[in-house]
């Protein structure tokens, strides 16, 4: 008599033992089926390429080849996007303006993420006085309005350039991710696998880095992606208000600041940088949304 159970087991397909089973792998399998992910990623790749290699997209350098006789000419007449107030090719200026906005957005987010991971891990893991101290300092900085606080500092120290603005935005932009990281660490620090690692003699650093951090980072990573878009828009607002970057720096916010007085007569001066700024910020936000959905099994 044939053993039905043995026959079924012999005909069943072998499981793929080489396929990694992880949250990030499952998220990637979900992401690659989403059109919104590919669209936003493509836009961001173009923006990053423009920031890193502007000469591939623009024939002229920043503030180069400007002639006042061509000032404010619209699209056409030898320039796809027309000319700005100084008679500079507007397409080249917008391409070079990508670097400041994208660089500040990425730098601020990376530094703020590092601060959030370190402080959140330590406060959430050890608790007690350290947790109370980090929480109170976070509350103080969290209570400072982002744009208003940055405006006050930048007005007090004008003309310091990209890295000064980056430092100011980092000081005001680490609080949300720190709170989230602390909460995630508290949620997993007493899990079975953490207790097992401690029982096997693992030290605090190993437990935090090997066991707690990988299982706490996903929500913080999503917020960091959303934060890049928020920082880029915040930088543009500060430039627009006249307290951020200054000439001869080139950025989308500065171009919007100059164009505001000439919108009725020369709308191209405002529309083109606003279009690039909106597309970049929206792409970061949409990418953060789809990654959040992919990392959350309840939303699949």
Protein backbone atom coordinates (compact mmCIF):
# COMPACT_ATOMS: atom_id res chain seq x y z
CA UNK A 1 0.00 0.00 0.00
CA UNK A 2 1.30 3.39 -1.02
CA UNK A 3 2.03 5.82 1.78
CA UNK A 4 -0.06 8.81 0.72
CA UNK A 5 1.68 11.20 3.12
CA UNK A 6 5.13 10.19 1.88
CA UNK A 7 4.04 10.55 -1.73
CA UNK A 8 2.64 14.01 -1.09
CA UNK A 9 5.85 15.09 0.59
CA UNK A 10 7.95 13.73 -2.27
CA UNK A 11 5.94 15.65 -4.89
CA UNK A 12 5.75 18.91 -2.93
CA UNK A 13 8.07 21.64 -4.24
CA UNK A 14 11.20 22.26 -2.26
CA UNK A 15 11.19 25.57 -0.42
CA UNK A 16 13.64 28.17 -1.67
CA UNK A 17 16.18 28.07 1.13
CA UNK A 18 18.29 30.78 -0.50
CA UNK A 19 15.52 33.38 -0.61
CA UNK A 20 16.02 35.87 2.24
CA UNK A 21 13.02 36.26 4.50
CA UNK A 22 13.09 39.74 6.00
CA UNK A 23 10.98 42.83 6.35
CA UNK A 24 13.12 44.74 3.86
CA UNK A 25 13.05 41.94 1.28
CA UNK A 26 9.28 41.68 1.51
CA UNK A 27 9.03 45.46 1.23
CA UNK A 28 11.13 45.44 -1.94
CA UNK A 29 8.93 42.75 -3.49
CA UNK A 30 5.93 44.97 -2.78
CA UNK A 31 7.58 48.21 -3.91
CA UNK A 32 8.67 46.99 -7.30
CA UNK A 33 5.04 46.35 -8.22
CA UNK A 34 3.99 49.94 -7.49
CA UNK A 35 3.97 52.44 -10.35
CA UNK A 36 4.13 55.36 -7.91
CA UNK A 37 7.41 54.06 -6.53
CA UNK A 38 9.06 53.97 -9.94
CA UNK A 39 7.73 57.38 -10.98
CA UNK A 40 8.89 59.13 -7.81
CA UNK A 41 12.22 57.27 -7.85
CA UNK A 42 12.84 58.30 -11.48
CA UNK A 43 12.17 61.97 -10.70
CA UNK A 44 14.50 61.84 -7.71
CA UNK A 45 17.24 60.14 -9.71
CA UNK A 46 17.09 62.97 -12.24
CA UNK A 47 17.18 65.56 -9.44
CA UNK A 48 20.16 63.84 -7.80
CA UNK A 49 21.97 63.63 -11.14
CA UNK A 50 21.35 67.34 -11.74
CA UNK A 51 22.71 68.15 -8.28
CA UNK A 52 25.79 65.94 -8.62
CA UNK A 53 26.62 66.54 -12.30
CA UNK A 54 24.99 69.82 -13.40
CA UNK A 55 27.33 70.14 -16.40
CA UNK A 56 25.59 67.13 -17.98
CA UNK A 57 22.33 69.09 -18.11
CA UNK A 58 23.44 72.72 -18.46
CA UNK A 59 25.90 74.17 -20.96
CA UNK A 60 26.73 77.15 -18.74
CA UNK A 61 27.94 77.41 -15.16
CA UNK A 62 26.13 79.29 -12.38
CA UNK A 63 25.86 83.02 -13.14
CA UNK A 64 27.85 82.46 -16.34
CA UNK A 65 27.26 84.02 -19.76
CA UNK A 66 24.82 86.62 -18.44
CA UNK A 67 23.93 89.66 -20.55
CA UNK A 68 21.62 92.37 -19.24
CA UNK A 69 20.23 93.09 -22.73
CA UNK A 70 18.48 89.67 -22.56
CA UNK A 71 17.09 90.33 -19.07
CA UNK A 72 13.69 88.71 -18.40
CA UNK A 73 13.18 87.46 -21.95
CA UNK A 74 10.71 84.59 -21.92
CA UNK A 75 11.12 81.04 -23.23
CA UNK A 76 12.47 80.82 -26.74
CA UNK A 77 14.88 83.33 -28.22
CA UNK A 78 17.74 80.87 -27.79
CA UNK A 79 16.83 79.70 -24.27
CA UNK A 80 14.32 76.97 -23.43
CA UNK A 81 13.32 78.60 -20.13
CA UNK A 82 14.17 82.18 -21.11
CA UNK A 83 16.45 84.47 -19.09
CA UNK A 84 16.45 85.83 -15.54
CA UNK A 85 16.89 89.41 -14.29
CA UNK A 86 20.63 89.32 -14.93
CA UNK A 87 20.21 87.94 -18.44
CA UNK A 88 21.45 84.47 -17.42
CA UNK A 89 20.15 81.36 -19.14
CA UNK A 90 17.31 80.35 -16.82
CA UNK A 91 17.52 76.62 -17.54
CA UNK A 92 21.19 76.58 -16.49
CA UNK A 93 20.40 78.58 -13.36
CA UNK A 94 17.61 76.20 -12.35
CA UNK A 95 19.84 73.16 -12.94
CA UNK A 96 22.57 74.63 -10.74
CA UNK A 97 19.95 75.61 -8.15
CA UNK A 98 19.20 71.92 -7.67
CA UNK A 99 22.51 71.31 -5.88
CA UNK A 100 21.93 73.64 -2.94
CA UNK A 101 18.37 72.46 -2.30
CA UNK A 102 19.07 68.72 -2.61
CA UNK A 103 22.40 68.90 -0.76
CA UNK A 104 20.87 70.70 2.20
CA UNK A 105 17.88 68.35 2.27
CA UNK A 106 20.02 65.21 2.29
CA UNK A 107 22.73 66.54 4.63
CA UNK A 108 20.24 67.80 7.22
CA UNK A 109 18.31 64.53 7.16
CA UNK A 110 21.42 62.34 7.48
CA UNK A 111 22.86 64.31 10.39
CA UNK A 112 19.46 64.52 12.10
CA UNK A 113 18.94 60.77 11.58
CA UNK A 114 22.32 60.02 13.16
CA UNK A 115 21.48 62.16 16.21
CA UNK A 116 18.04 60.56 16.47
CA UNK A 117 19.40 57.00 16.28
CA UNK A 118 22.08 57.60 18.93
CA UNK A 119 19.91 59.51 21.38
CA UNK A 120 16.84 57.34 20.80
CA UNK A 121 18.80 54.12 21.33
CA UNK A 122 20.47 55.29 24.51
CA UNK A 123 17.36 56.90 26.02
CA UNK A 124 15.03 54.03 25.12
CA UNK A 125 17.41 51.27 26.18
CA UNK A 126 18.70 52.64 29.48
CA UNK A 127 15.70 54.72 30.54
CA UNK A 128 15.87 56.44 33.92
CA UNK A 129 17.70 59.75 34.26
CA UNK A 130 19.20 59.56 30.76
CA UNK A 131 15.75 59.04 29.22
CA UNK A 132 14.31 61.93 31.22
CA UNK A 133 17.16 64.24 30.21
CA UNK A 134 16.92 63.39 26.50
CA UNK A 135 13.13 63.74 26.60
CA UNK A 136 13.25 67.19 28.22
CA UNK A 137 15.88 68.47 25.80
CA UNK A 138 13.82 67.09 22.92
CA UNK A 139 10.74 68.87 24.26
CA UNK A 140 12.62 72.18 24.40
CA UNK A 141 13.78 71.96 20.79
CA UNK A 142 10.44 70.52 19.67
CA UNK A 143 8.73 73.65 21.00
CA UNK A 144 10.76 75.96 18.76
CA UNK A 145 8.89 76.74 15.51
CA UNK A 146 10.98 75.44 12.62
CA UNK A 147 10.85 78.41 10.26
CA UNK A 148 10.75 81.06 12.99
CA UNK A 149 13.69 79.55 14.90
CA UNK A 150 15.77 79.21 11.74
CA UNK A 151 14.92 82.77 10.74
CA UNK A 152 16.07 84.19 14.08
CA UNK A 153 19.40 82.33 13.97
CA UNK A 154 20.11 83.09 10.31
CA UNK A 155 19.31 86.78 10.77
CA UNK A 156 21.74 86.90 13.70
CA UNK A 157 24.48 85.21 11.61
CA UNK A 158 23.89 86.30 8.00
CA UNK A 159 25.89 85.31 4.94
CA UNK A 160 27.31 82.03 6.28
CA UNK A 161 26.37 79.87 3.28
CA UNK A 162 25.12 76.33 2.79
CA UNK A 163 26.81 74.67 5.78
CA UNK A 164 25.58 77.28 8.24
CA UNK A 165 22.02 76.72 7.04
CA UNK A 166 22.56 72.97 7.26
CA UNK A 167 23.71 73.26 10.87
CA UNK A 168 20.74 75.43 11.83
CA UNK A 169 18.24 73.07 10.21
CA UNK A 170 19.86 70.04 11.87
CA UNK A 171 19.58 71.68 15.30
CA UNK A 172 15.86 72.23 14.69
CA UNK A 173 15.06 69.03 12.79
CA UNK A 174 16.18 66.05 14.89
CA UNK A 175 13.39 65.98 17.46
CA UNK A 176 10.63 64.05 15.66
CA UNK A 177 12.88 61.20 14.61
CA UNK A 178 14.41 61.02 18.10
CA UNK A 179 10.99 60.66 19.72
CA UNK A 180 10.01 57.96 17.25
CA UNK A 181 13.31 56.08 17.68
CA UNK A 182 13.00 56.18 21.48
CA UNK A 183 9.46 54.79 21.30
CA UNK A 184 10.50 51.98 18.95
CA UNK A 185 13.39 50.98 21.22
CA UNK A 186 11.15 50.91 24.29
CA UNK A 187 8.71 48.70 22.38
CA UNK A 188 11.32 46.04 21.50
CA UNK A 189 13.87 46.19 24.34
CA UNK A 190 12.02 43.54 26.39
CA UNK A 191 11.30 41.21 23.47
CA UNK A 192 12.20 37.54 23.75
CA UNK A 193 15.11 37.72 21.31
CA UNK A 194 16.61 40.65 23.24
CA UNK A 195 16.26 38.81 26.55
CA UNK A 196 17.81 35.72 24.98
CA UNK A 197 20.79 37.74 23.73
CA UNK A 198 21.32 39.14 27.22
CA UNK A 199 21.07 35.68 28.75
CA UNK A 200 23.79 34.46 26.36
CA UNK A 201 26.10 37.17 27.65
CA UNK A 202 25.81 39.80 24.93
CA UNK A 203 26.87 43.28 26.06
CA UNK A 204 24.72 46.40 25.85
CA UNK A 205 26.39 47.70 22.68
CA UNK A 206 25.95 44.38 20.88
CA UNK A 207 22.34 44.08 21.97
CA UNK A 208 21.54 47.61 20.79
CA UNK A 209 23.38 47.36 17.47
CA UNK A 210 22.64 43.75 16.48
CA UNK A 211 19.18 43.15 17.90
CA UNK A 212 17.35 46.37 18.77
CA UNK A 213 18.46 48.76 16.02
CA UNK A 214 17.54 46.56 13.00
CA UNK A 215 14.07 45.98 14.46
CA UNK A 216 13.47 49.63 15.35
CA UNK A 217 14.82 51.51 12.34
CA UNK A 218 12.13 50.97 9.68
CA UNK A 219 9.60 53.60 10.88
CA UNK A 220 12.41 56.09 11.54
CA UNK A 221 13.79 55.49 8.04
CA UNK A 222 10.39 56.27 6.53
CA UNK A 223 10.13 59.52 8.51
CA UNK A 224 13.65 60.42 7.36
CA UNK A 225 12.61 60.04 3.72
CA UNK A 226 9.63 62.30 4.32
CA UNK A 227 11.91 64.71 6.17
CA UNK A 228 14.09 65.29 3.09
CA UNK A 229 11.15 66.83 1.26
CA UNK A 230 10.22 68.91 4.29
CA UNK A 231 13.78 70.23 4.66
CA UNK A 232 14.00 71.15 0.96
CA UNK A 233 10.74 73.10 1.22
CA UNK A 234 11.92 74.70 4.48
CA UNK A 235 15.19 75.77 2.85
CA UNK A 236 13.27 77.26 -0.06
CA UNK A 237 11.01 79.17 2.35
CA UNK A 238 14.01 80.66 4.17
CA UNK A 239 15.60 81.67 0.86
CA UNK A 240 12.30 83.14 -0.27
CA UNK A 241 12.10 85.20 2.93
CA UNK A 242 15.59 86.52 2.27
CA UNK A 243 17.27 85.00 5.37
CA UNK A 244 18.75 81.90 3.75
CA UNK A 245 21.30 81.67 0.97
CA UNK A 246 22.43 84.89 -0.66
CA UNK A 247 23.76 85.85 -4.08
CA UNK A 248 26.00 84.60 -5.73
CA UNK A 249 24.63 81.27 -4.43
CA UNK A 250 22.01 79.73 -6.69
CA UNK A 251 18.95 77.92 -5.35
CA UNK A 252 15.29 77.50 -6.20
CA UNK A 253 14.26 79.51 -3.16
CA UNK A 254 16.42 82.46 -4.21
CA UNK A 255 14.94 82.33 -7.69
CA UNK A 256 11.44 82.43 -6.22
CA UNK A 257 12.44 85.36 -4.01
CA UNK A 258 13.62 87.36 -7.02
CA UNK A 259 10.64 86.37 -9.18
CA UNK A 260 7.90 87.37 -6.73
CA UNK A 261 7.97 91.02 -7.79
CA UNK A 262 7.81 90.24 -11.51
CA UNK A 263 5.24 87.45 -11.69
CA UNK A 264 2.56 89.45 -13.50
CA UNK A 265 4.88 90.57 -16.30
CA UNK A 266 7.31 87.63 -16.39
CA UNK A 267 5.57 84.52 -14.99
CA UNK A 268 8.30 82.17 -16.27
CA UNK A 269 10.65 83.49 -13.58
CA UNK A 270 8.44 81.98 -10.88
CA UNK A 271 6.79 79.04 -12.63
CA UNK A 272 9.88 77.08 -13.65
CA UNK A 273 11.72 76.97 -10.29
CA UNK A 274 8.39 76.39 -8.52
CA UNK A 275 7.73 73.42 -10.83
CA UNK A 276 11.12 71.82 -10.11
CA UNK A 277 10.79 72.46 -6.37
CA UNK A 278 7.28 71.02 -6.23
CA UNK A 279 8.20 67.92 -8.25
CA UNK A 280 11.23 67.16 -6.06
CA UNK A 281 9.48 67.70 -2.73
CA UNK A 282 6.39 65.77 -3.83
CA UNK A 283 8.53 62.87 -5.07
CA UNK A 284 10.27 62.54 -1.70
CA UNK A 285 6.93 62.62 0.10
CA UNK A 286 5.32 60.07 -2.24
CA UNK A 287 8.36 57.80 -2.02
CA UNK A 288 8.19 57.96 1.76
CA UNK A 289 4.49 57.09 1.66
CA UNK A 290 4.89 54.04 -0.57
CA UNK A 291 7.87 52.79 1.47
CA UNK A 292 5.83 53.20 4.65
CA UNK A 293 2.99 51.18 3.12
CA UNK A 294 5.40 48.48 1.98
CA UNK A 295 7.04 48.19 5.41
CA UNK A 296 3.72 47.92 7.22
CA UNK A 297 2.27 44.40 6.72
CA UNK A 298 -1.19 45.62 7.78
CA UNK A 299 -1.38 47.90 4.72
CA UNK A 300 -0.52 45.26 2.12
